[in-house]
Amino acid sequence: MTMDQQGQEQPQGDAEEFAAQTGEGAGLKAAQAPESAEGGAEAAASPWPEDPGELIAMIEQERARNEASRDQLLRARAEVENISRRKAKELENAHKFALENFVRELLQVRDSLELGQSAASESDADVVKLREGMDLTVKLLGDVMTKFGVERVDPMHQPFNPEFHQAMSMQPRADVAPNTVVAVIQRGYTLNGRLVRPALVMVSQAIEQG
């Protein structure tokens, strides 16, 4: 047998041993290992159980959680609607009965006027007492109005102010400065500083030199 024939007939085990010694076999095993590792990782990462019973149980639990969340949402929506209706009713009542306290105070003024009217209808009515009663009634009305922020605009002898006064006529005057209120035809009133009715006035003007 020649030496070439002996080299061709070397057993396969020698080749594997040679590959192991040179590291080629280790590389082959390392290349095969990730494939098996990836398969195991995919199996471990799956969120669904293999048992159908467990899967059904998970679905039922999720359905129950969804129903509970839906019930909470409906309750919250109903509560918001109730609050909205209650606030709307409170606002409506506030507008409807905003003058309740003012009317309550005003009733005593009406009572005083009715008493004066009854006294004036008597045959032996005392004019002096009637006048005193009227003065008290006017004062009572003024106190009620002041209590609720109503102030009188009485600009006699004051400079004319178009924001609060309305000139009805002009009067030439030499004794006062021009544009001075010399007569108040009708008093004005403000509510918390806001003009409700302007004062109707007569205003002075300079006398023309002829």
C-alpha atoms as a PDB file:
ATOM      1  CA  MET A   1       0.000   0.000   0.000  1.00  0.00           C
ATOM      2  CA  THR A   2       1.288   3.348  -0.947  1.00  0.00           C
ATOM      3  CA  MET A   3       1.453   6.348   1.334  1.00  0.00           C
ATOM      4  CA  ASP A   4      -1.225   8.135  -0.714  1.00  0.00           C
ATOM      5  CA  GLN A   5      -3.634   5.279  -0.120  1.00  0.00           C
ATOM      6  CA  GLN A   6      -2.929   5.343   3.607  1.00  0.00           C
ATOM      7  CA  GLY A   7      -3.812   9.061   3.740  1.00  0.00           C
ATOM      8  CA  GLN A   8      -7.102   8.450   1.949  1.00  0.00           C
ATOM      9  CA  GLU A   9      -8.115   5.668   4.326  1.00  0.00           C
ATOM     10  CA  GLN A  10      -7.686   7.662   7.590  1.00  0.00           C
ATOM     11  CA  PRO A  11     -10.762   7.187   9.765  1.00  0.00           C
ATOM     12  CA  GLN A  12     -13.368   9.944  10.051  1.00  0.00           C
ATOM     13  CA  GLY A  13     -12.743  10.159  13.783  1.00  0.00           C
ATOM     14  CA  ASP A  14      -9.331  11.574  13.139  1.00  0.00           C
ATOM     15  CA  ALA A  15     -10.878  14.358  11.051  1.00  0.00           C
ATOM     16  CA  GLU A  16     -13.355  15.240  13.807  1.00  0.00           C
ATOM     17  CA  GLU A  17     -10.565  15.217  16.360  1.00  0.00           C
ATOM     18  CA  PHE A  18      -8.568  17.521  14.154  1.00  0.00           C
ATOM     19  CA  ALA A  19     -11.495  19.888  13.762  1.00  0.00           C
ATOM     20  CA  ALA A  20     -11.991  19.960  17.509  1.00  0.00           C
ATOM     21  CA  GLN A  21      -8.353  20.777  18.080  1.00  0.00           C
ATOM     22  CA  THR A  22      -8.322  23.585  15.527  1.00  0.00           C
ATOM     23  CA  GLY A  23     -11.547  25.150  16.955  1.00  0.00           C
ATOM     24  CA  GLU A  24     -13.717  24.620  13.883  1.00  0.00           C
ATOM     25  CA  GLY A  25     -15.966  22.256  15.787  1.00  0.00           C
ATOM     26  CA  ALA A  26     -16.484  24.785  18.552  1.00  0.00           C
ATOM     27  CA  GLY A  27     -17.520  27.361  15.977  1.00  0.00           C
ATOM     28  CA  LEU A  28     -20.074  24.972  14.535  1.00  0.00           C
ATOM     29  CA  LYS A  29     -21.592  24.303  17.944  1.00  0.00           C
ATOM     30  CA  ALA A  30     -21.669  28.016  18.689  1.00  0.00           C
ATOM     31  CA  ALA A  31     -23.502  28.660  15.429  1.00  0.00           C
ATOM     32  CA  GLN A  32     -26.105  26.026  16.266  1.00  0.00           C
ATOM     33  CA  ALA A  33     -26.623  27.249  19.859  1.00  0.00           C
ATOM     34  CA  PRO A  34     -28.317  30.636  19.078  1.00  0.00           C
ATOM     35  CA  GLU A  35     -30.946  28.907  16.974  1.00  0.00           C
ATOM     36  CA  SER A  36     -32.057  26.755  19.879  1.00  0.00           C
ATOM     37  CA  ALA A  37     -31.780  29.730  22.288  1.00  0.00           C
ATOM     38  CA  GLU A  38     -33.969  31.903  20.058  1.00  0.00           C
ATOM     39  CA  GLY A  39     -36.613  29.237  19.915  1.00  0.00           C
ATOM     40  CA  GLY A  40     -36.659  28.980  23.711  1.00  0.00           C
ATOM     41  CA  ALA A  41     -36.819  32.759  24.118  1.00  0.00           C
ATOM     42  CA  GLU A  42     -39.780  32.977  21.748  1.00  0.00           C
ATOM     43  CA  ALA A  43     -41.587  30.330  23.721  1.00  0.00           C
ATOM     44  CA  ALA A  44     -40.839  32.098  27.025  1.00  0.00           C
ATOM     45  CA  ALA A  45     -41.896  35.553  25.686  1.00  0.00           C
ATOM     46  CA  SER A  46     -45.373  34.446  24.577  1.00  0.00           C
ATOM     47  CA  PRO A  47     -48.019  36.198  26.764  1.00  0.00           C
ATOM     48  CA  TRP A  48     -50.676  33.574  26.170  1.00  0.00           C
ATOM     49  CA  PRO A  49     -50.857  30.387  28.219  1.00  0.00           C
ATOM     50  CA  GLU A  50     -50.787  27.059  26.426  1.00  0.00           C
ATOM     51  CA  ASP A  51     -53.743  25.784  28.459  1.00  0.00           C
ATOM     52  CA  PRO A  52     -57.056  26.863  26.796  1.00  0.00           C
ATOM     53  CA  GLY A  53     -58.730  26.957  30.199  1.00  0.00           C
ATOM     54  CA  GLU A  54     -56.238  29.488  31.480  1.00  0.00           C
ATOM     55  CA  LEU A  55     -56.706  31.569  28.330  1.00  0.00           C
ATOM     56  CA  ILE A  56     -60.484  31.614  28.821  1.00  0.00           C
ATOM     57  CA  ALA A  57     -59.998  32.636  32.452  1.00  0.00           C
ATOM     58  CA  MET A  58     -57.756  35.527  31.377  1.00  0.00           C
ATOM     59  CA  ILE A  59     -60.367  36.693  28.861  1.00  0.00           C
ATOM     60  CA  GLU A  60     -63.108  36.569  31.503  1.00  0.00           C
ATOM     61  CA  GLN A  61     -60.986  38.570  33.942  1.00  0.00           C
ATOM     62  CA  GLU A  62     -60.310  41.224  31.316  1.00  0.00           C
ATOM     63  CA  ARG A  63     -64.019  41.364  30.466  1.00  0.00           C
ATOM     64  CA  ALA A  64     -64.883  41.837  34.131  1.00  0.00           C
ATOM     65  CA  ARG A  65     -62.368  44.673  34.431  1.00  0.00           C
ATOM     66  CA  ASN A  66     -63.842  46.352  31.356  1.00  0.00           C
ATOM     67  CA  GLU A  67     -67.358  46.077  32.787  1.00  0.00           C
ATOM     68  CA  ALA A  68     -66.202  47.594  36.082  1.00  0.00           C
ATOM     69  CA  SER A  69     -64.503  50.480  34.263  1.00  0.00           C
ATOM     70  CA  ARG A  70     -67.619  51.069  32.166  1.00  0.00           C
ATOM     71  CA  ASP A  71     -69.789  51.104  35.289  1.00  0.00           C
ATOM     72  CA  GLN A  72     -67.482  53.635  36.959  1.00  0.00           C
ATOM     73  CA  LEU A  73     -67.570  55.817  33.849  1.00  0.00           C
ATOM     74  CA  LEU A  74     -71.375  55.776  33.746  1.00  0.00           C
ATOM     75  CA  ARG A  75     -71.577  56.649  37.440  1.00  0.00           C
ATOM     76  CA  ALA A  76     -69.121  59.533  36.999  1.00  0.00           C
ATOM     77  CA  ARG A  77     -71.057  60.841  34.000  1.00  0.00           C
ATOM     78  CA  ALA A  78     -74.332  60.695  35.910  1.00  0.00           C
ATOM     79  CA  GLU A  79     -72.753  62.562  38.840  1.00  0.00           C
ATOM     80  CA  VAL A  80     -71.470  65.304  36.525  1.00  0.00           C
ATOM     81  CA  GLU A  81     -74.926  65.668  34.964  1.00  0.00           C
ATOM     82  CA  ASN A  82     -76.534  65.906  38.415  1.00  0.00           C
ATOM     83  CA  ILE A  83     -74.066  68.598  39.485  1.00  0.00           C
ATOM     84  CA  SER A  84     -74.693  70.519  36.257  1.00  0.00           C
ATOM     85  CA  ARG A  85     -78.475  70.408  36.734  1.00  0.00           C
ATOM     86  CA  ARG A  86     -78.151  71.448  40.381  1.00  0.00           C
ATOM     87  CA  LYS A  87     -75.923  74.409  39.512  1.00  0.00           C
ATOM     88  CA  ALA A  88     -78.305  75.490  36.753  1.00  0.00           C
ATOM     89  CA  LYS A  89     -81.212  75.387  39.211  1.00  0.00           C
ATOM     90  CA  GLU A  90     -79.255  77.391  41.786  1.00  0.00           C
ATOM     91  CA  LEU A  91     -78.394  80.002  39.158  1.00  0.00           C
ATOM     92  CA  GLU A  92     -82.026  80.205  38.065  1.00  0.00           C
ATOM     93  CA  ASN A  93     -83.157  80.716  41.662  1.00  0.00           C
ATOM     94  CA  ALA A  94     -80.439  83.320  42.214  1.00  0.00           C
ATOM     95  CA  HIS A  95     -81.745  85.336  39.276  1.00  0.00           C
ATOM     96  CA  LYS A  96     -85.366  84.812  40.237  1.00  0.00           C
ATOM     97  CA  PHE A  97     -84.996  85.765  43.901  1.00  0.00           C
ATOM     98  CA  ALA A  98     -82.104  88.244  43.681  1.00  0.00           C
ATOM     99  CA  LEU A  99     -84.372  91.053  44.926  1.00  0.00           C
ATOM    100  CA  GLU A 100     -85.896  89.058  47.768  1.00  0.00           C
ATOM    101  CA  ASN A 101     -84.020  90.907  50.518  1.00  0.00           C
ATOM    102  CA  PHE A 102     -84.648  94.276  48.873  1.00  0.00           C
ATOM    103  CA  VAL A 103     -88.369  93.569  48.606  1.00  0.00           C
ATOM    104  CA  ARG A 104     -88.483  92.463  52.244  1.00  0.00           C
ATOM    105  CA  GLU A 105     -86.948  95.781  53.317  1.00  0.00           C
ATOM    106  CA  LEU A 106     -89.197  97.717  50.953  1.00  0.00           C
ATOM    107  CA  LEU A 107     -92.344  96.249  52.482  1.00  0.00           C
ATOM    108  CA  GLN A 108     -91.916  98.294  55.636  1.00  0.00           C
ATOM    109  CA  VAL A 109     -91.828 101.441  53.505  1.00  0.00           C
ATOM    110  CA  ARG A 110     -95.098 100.427  51.907  1.00  0.00           C
ATOM    111  CA  ASP A 111     -96.579  99.725  55.352  1.00  0.00           C
ATOM    112  CA  SER A 112     -95.596 103.229  56.462  1.00  0.00           C
ATOM    113  CA  LEU A 113     -97.146 104.774  53.365  1.00  0.00           C
ATOM    114  CA  GLU A 114    -100.381 102.881  53.897  1.00  0.00           C
ATOM    115  CA  LEU A 115    -100.546 104.046  57.517  1.00  0.00           C
ATOM    116  CA  GLY A 116    -100.102 107.644  56.370  1.00  0.00           C
ATOM    117  CA  GLN A 117    -102.747 107.186  53.712  1.00  0.00           C
ATOM    118  CA  SER A 118    -105.180 105.799  56.276  1.00  0.00           C
ATOM    119  CA  ALA A 119    -104.499 108.687  58.683  1.00  0.00           C
ATOM    120  CA  ALA A 120    -104.966 111.284  55.929  1.00  0.00           C
ATOM    121  CA  SER A 121    -108.399 109.909  55.086  1.00  0.00           C
ATOM    122  CA  GLU A 122    -109.746 110.696  58.564  1.00  0.00           C
ATOM    123  CA  SER A 123    -111.838 113.841  58.940  1.00  0.00           C
ATOM    124  CA  ASP A 124    -109.821 115.162  61.861  1.00  0.00           C
ATOM    125  CA  ALA A 125    -106.414 114.408  60.355  1.00  0.00           C
ATOM    126  CA  ASP A 126    -103.545 116.413  61.788  1.00  0.00           C
ATOM    127  CA  VAL A 127    -101.561 117.913  58.927  1.00  0.00           C
ATOM    128  CA  VAL A 128     -98.456 118.342  61.048  1.00  0.00           C
ATOM    129  CA  LYS A 129     -98.450 114.693  62.088  1.00  0.00           C
ATOM    130  CA  LEU A 130     -99.082 113.628  58.525  1.00  0.00           C
ATOM    131  CA  ARG A 131     -96.087 115.631  57.403  1.00  0.00           C
ATOM    132  CA  GLU A 132     -93.928 114.084  60.115  1.00  0.00           C
ATOM    133  CA  GLY A 133     -95.099 110.627  59.066  1.00  0.00           C
ATOM    134  CA  MET A 134     -94.244 111.349  55.435  1.00  0.00           C
ATOM    135  CA  ASP A 135     -90.797 112.611  56.411  1.00  0.00           C
ATOM    136  CA  LEU A 136     -90.142 109.427  58.375  1.00  0.00           C
ATOM    137  CA  THR A 137     -91.302 107.311  55.445  1.00  0.00           C
ATOM    138  CA  VAL A 138     -89.021 109.119  53.018  1.00  0.00           C
ATOM    139  CA  LYS A 139     -86.107 108.656  55.408  1.00  0.00           C
ATOM    140  CA  LEU A 140     -86.936 104.968  55.788  1.00  0.00           C
ATOM    141  CA  LEU A 141     -86.974 104.551  52.021  1.00  0.00           C
ATOM    142  CA  GLY A 142     -83.634 106.331  51.717  1.00  0.00           C
ATOM    143  CA  ASP A 143     -82.089 104.052  54.347  1.00  0.00           C
ATOM    144  CA  VAL A 144     -83.316 100.957  52.504  1.00  0.00           C
ATOM    145  CA  MET A 145     -81.933 102.192  49.193  1.00  0.00           C
ATOM    146  CA  THR A 146     -78.569 103.071  50.732  1.00  0.00           C
ATOM    147  CA  LYS A 147     -78.401  99.626  52.331  1.00  0.00           C
ATOM    148  CA  PHE A 148     -78.588  98.050  48.881  1.00  0.00           C
ATOM    149  CA  GLY A 149     -76.096 100.380  47.200  1.00  0.00           C
ATOM    150  CA  VAL A 150     -78.548 102.899  45.732  1.00  0.00           C
ATOM    151  CA  GLU A 151     -77.225 106.454  46.012  1.00  0.00           C
ATOM    152  CA  ARG A 152     -78.932 109.692  45.056  1.00  0.00           C
ATOM    153  CA  VAL A 153     -77.433 112.056  42.472  1.00  0.00           C
ATOM    154  CA  ASP A 154     -78.258 115.597  43.630  1.00  0.00           C
ATOM    155  CA  PRO A 155     -75.795 117.921  41.829  1.00  0.00           C
ATOM    156  CA  MET A 156     -77.110 121.307  42.899  1.00  0.00           C
ATOM    157  CA  HIS A 157     -74.396 124.009  42.511  1.00  0.00           C
ATOM    158  CA  GLN A 158     -71.962 121.454  41.110  1.00  0.00           C
ATOM    159  CA  PRO A 159     -70.243 121.583  37.720  1.00  0.00           C
ATOM    160  CA  PHE A 160     -72.268 119.913  35.001  1.00  0.00           C
ATOM    161  CA  ASN A 161     -71.145 116.302  34.442  1.00  0.00           C
ATOM    162  CA  PRO A 162     -72.593 114.665  31.317  1.00  0.00           C
ATOM    163  CA  GLU A 163     -71.865 111.212  32.748  1.00  0.00           C
ATOM    164  CA  PHE A 164     -74.404 111.723  35.551  1.00  0.00           C
ATOM    165  CA  HIS A 165     -76.439 114.772  34.520  1.00  0.00           C
ATOM    166  CA  GLN A 166     -78.801 115.505  31.675  1.00  0.00           C
ATOM    167  CA  ALA A 167     -79.230 119.194  30.820  1.00  0.00           C
ATOM    168  CA  MET A 168     -82.842 120.128  30.176  1.00  0.00           C
ATOM    169  CA  SER A 169     -82.252 123.836  29.628  1.00  0.00           C
ATOM    170  CA  MET A 170     -79.656 126.590  29.853  1.00  0.00           C
ATOM    171  CA  GLN A 171     -80.003 129.752  31.917  1.00  0.00           C
ATOM    172  CA  PRO A 172     -77.835 132.845  31.500  1.00  0.00           C
ATOM    173  CA  ARG A 173     -76.342 133.665  34.882  1.00  0.00           C
ATOM    174  CA  ALA A 174     -73.788 136.224  35.948  1.00  0.00           C
ATOM    175  CA  ASP A 175     -73.520 135.127  39.571  1.00  0.00           C
ATOM    176  CA  VAL A 176     -72.189 131.626  38.896  1.00  0.00           C
ATOM    177  CA  ALA A 177     -69.615 130.119  36.608  1.00  0.00           C
ATOM    178  CA  PRO A 178     -70.797 128.775  33.261  1.00  0.00           C
ATOM    179  CA  ASN A 179     -71.827 125.096  33.102  1.00  0.00           C
ATOM    180  CA  THR A 180     -72.924 125.021  36.732  1.00  0.00           C
ATOM    181  CA  VAL A 181     -76.082 123.202  37.812  1.00  0.00           C
ATOM    182  CA  VAL A 182     -78.465 125.910  39.022  1.00  0.00           C
ATOM    183  CA  ALA A 183     -81.597 123.788  39.381  1.00  0.00           C
ATOM    184  CA  VAL A 184     -82.377 120.076  39.782  1.00  0.00           C
ATOM    185  CA  ILE A 185     -85.600 119.125  38.060  1.00  0.00           C
ATOM    186  CA  GLN A 186     -85.363 115.427  38.913  1.00  0.00           C
ATOM    187  CA  ARG A 187     -82.736 113.669  41.025  1.00  0.00           C
ATOM    188  CA  GLY A 188     -80.717 110.848  39.565  1.00  0.00           C
ATOM    189  CA  TYR A 189     -79.665 107.555  41.152  1.00  0.00           C
ATOM    190  CA  THR A 190     -76.779 105.114  40.949  1.00  0.00           C
ATOM    191  CA  LEU A 191     -76.565 101.447  41.904  1.00  0.00           C
ATOM    192  CA  ASN A 192     -73.161 100.488  43.310  1.00  0.00           C
ATOM    193  CA  GLY A 193     -71.615 103.362  41.376  1.00  0.00           C
ATOM    194  CA  ARG A 194     -73.365 102.561  38.097  1.00  0.00           C
ATOM    195  CA  LEU A 195     -75.792 105.160  36.789  1.00  0.00           C
ATOM    196  CA  VAL A 196     -79.412 104.023  36.856  1.00  0.00           C
ATOM    197  CA  ARG A 197     -81.039 107.366  36.049  1.00  0.00           C
ATOM    198  CA  PRO A 198     -79.332 110.684  35.277  1.00  0.00           C
ATOM    199  CA  ALA A 199     -80.283 113.823  37.141  1.00  0.00           C
ATOM    200  CA  LEU A 200     -82.348 116.230  35.046  1.00  0.00           C
ATOM    201  CA  VAL A 201     -80.860 119.673  35.559  1.00  0.00           C
ATOM    202  CA  MET A 202     -80.770 123.286  34.454  1.00  0.00           C
ATOM    203  CA  VAL A 203     -77.291 124.568  33.609  1.00  0.00           C
ATOM    204  CA  SER A 204     -75.935 128.098  33.692  1.00  0.00           C
ATOM    205  CA  GLN A 205     -74.350 129.810  30.762  1.00  0.00           C
ATOM    206  CA  ALA A 206     -72.431 133.038  30.372  1.00  0.00           C
ATOM    207  CA  ILE A 207     -74.408 136.193  29.636  1.00  0.00           C
ATOM    208  CA  GLU A 208     -73.707 137.484  26.191  1.00  0.00           C
ATOM    209  CA  GLN A 209     -72.338 141.001  26.144  1.00  0.00           C
ATOM    210  CA  GLY A 210     -74.549 143.142  23.906  1.00  0.00           C
END
